[in-house]
Amino acid sequence: EWRIFIFFRPFSDTVAYQLFTLLHIPLFFIILWRLAFPTLRFEIAVDLFLIVHAGLHYLFRNHPDYEFRGWVSHGIIAAAALMGALHLLLLAT
């Protein structure tokens, strides 16, 4: 995935991969922390992120630098987006 982002291009593939992976740590920490104190706004933001994230993977699937091909990973991303969409529907009812 990191090969798609232009700001990782100055780095070697190994360093870009490590930076991309390390940048997920604060993201996961924030999400886990906020799950302990959820608000409707946060829940909607997470749901929308999951849907947009899957959409971006779909849009970039033919990009020459996109090498994210594993069906398990794609299945997890699709399932998360589906759960986000279902959660949004439940919130709307």
Protein backbone atom coordinates (compact mmCIF):
# COMPACT_ATOMS: atom_id res chain seq x y z
CA GLU A 1 0.00 0.00 0.00
CA TRP A 2 2.75 2.48 0.87
CA ARG A 3 3.93 2.59 -2.73
CA ILE A 4 0.76 4.47 -3.69
CA PHE A 5 1.52 7.42 -1.39
CA ILE A 6 3.82 10.01 -2.97
CA PHE A 7 5.34 11.15 0.34
CA PHE A 8 6.93 7.70 0.83
CA ARG A 9 8.73 7.80 -2.54
CA PRO A 10 11.95 9.45 -1.26
CA PHE A 11 12.52 6.43 1.02
CA SER A 12 13.76 2.98 0.19
CA ASP A 13 11.08 0.31 -0.02
CA THR A 14 12.11 -1.13 3.36
CA VAL A 15 12.05 2.25 5.14
CA ALA A 16 8.76 3.25 3.48
CA TYR A 17 7.16 -0.02 4.57
CA GLN A 18 8.41 0.44 8.13
CA LEU A 19 7.20 4.05 8.31
CA PHE A 20 3.82 3.13 6.86
CA THR A 21 3.43 0.33 9.37
CA LEU A 22 4.63 2.41 12.34
CA LEU A 23 2.21 5.22 11.46
CA HIS A 24 -0.63 2.76 12.10
CA ILE A 25 0.29 2.43 15.78
CA PRO A 26 -1.02 5.86 16.87
CA LEU A 27 -4.09 5.33 14.69
CA PHE A 28 -4.90 2.05 16.44
CA PHE A 29 -4.18 3.58 19.84
CA ILE A 30 -6.60 6.45 19.17
CA ILE A 31 -9.29 4.09 17.91
CA LEU A 32 -8.93 1.76 20.88
CA TRP A 33 -8.91 4.67 23.32
CA ARG A 34 -11.99 6.21 21.74
CA LEU A 35 -13.79 2.87 21.79
CA ALA A 36 -13.57 3.03 25.57
CA PHE A 37 -15.42 6.37 25.46
CA PRO A 38 -17.50 6.21 22.28
CA THR A 39 -19.49 9.09 20.91
CA LEU A 40 -21.93 8.99 18.04
CA ARG A 41 -19.66 11.26 15.99
CA PHE A 42 -16.69 8.93 16.51
CA GLU A 43 -18.71 5.84 15.61
CA ILE A 44 -19.91 7.48 12.40
CA ALA A 45 -16.34 8.59 11.57
CA VAL A 46 -15.00 5.04 12.01
CA ASP A 47 -17.82 3.59 9.91
CA LEU A 48 -17.17 6.09 7.13
CA PHE A 49 -13.42 5.48 7.30
CA LEU A 50 -13.94 1.73 6.89
CA ILE A 51 -16.14 2.29 3.85
CA VAL A 52 -13.82 4.87 2.26
CA HIS A 53 -10.77 2.70 2.99
CA ALA A 54 -12.33 -0.22 1.09
CA GLY A 55 -13.33 2.13 -1.72
CA LEU A 56 -9.77 3.41 -2.04
CA HIS A 57 -8.43 -0.14 -2.24
CA TYR A 58 -10.95 -0.81 -5.00
CA LEU A 59 -10.09 2.38 -6.89
CA PHE A 60 -6.34 1.76 -6.75
CA ARG A 61 -6.51 -1.96 -7.58
CA ASN A 62 -5.15 -1.34 -11.10
CA HIS A 63 -2.49 1.21 -10.11
CA PRO A 64 0.95 0.01 -11.25
CA ASP A 65 2.41 0.36 -7.74
CA TYR A 66 -0.49 -1.41 -6.02
CA GLU A 67 0.70 -4.82 -4.91
CA PHE A 68 -1.86 -5.49 -2.22
CA ARG A 69 -3.26 -8.71 -3.68
CA GLY A 70 -4.00 -11.14 -0.84
CA TRP A 71 -7.58 -12.35 -0.76
CA VAL A 72 -7.53 -12.68 3.04
CA SER A 73 -6.53 -9.03 3.50
CA HIS A 74 -9.06 -7.90 0.90
CA GLY A 75 -11.70 -10.02 2.64
CA ILE A 76 -10.95 -8.37 5.98
CA ILE A 77 -11.12 -4.90 4.43
CA ALA A 78 -14.40 -5.72 2.66
CA ALA A 79 -15.89 -7.25 5.81
CA ALA A 80 -14.91 -4.19 7.86
CA ALA A 81 -16.53 -1.91 5.26
CA LEU A 82 -19.68 -4.04 5.29
CA MET A 83 -19.81 -3.89 9.09
CA GLY A 84 -19.33 -0.12 8.96
CA ALA A 85 -22.20 0.20 6.47
CA LEU A 86 -24.46 -2.06 8.55
CA HIS A 87 -23.60 -0.10 11.69
CA LEU A 88 -24.47 3.16 9.94
CA LEU A 89 -27.82 1.65 8.90
CA LEU A 90 -28.48 0.58 12.48
CA LEU A 91 -27.64 4.05 13.74
CA ALA A 92 -30.09 5.53 11.23
CA THR A 93 -32.99 3.41 12.46
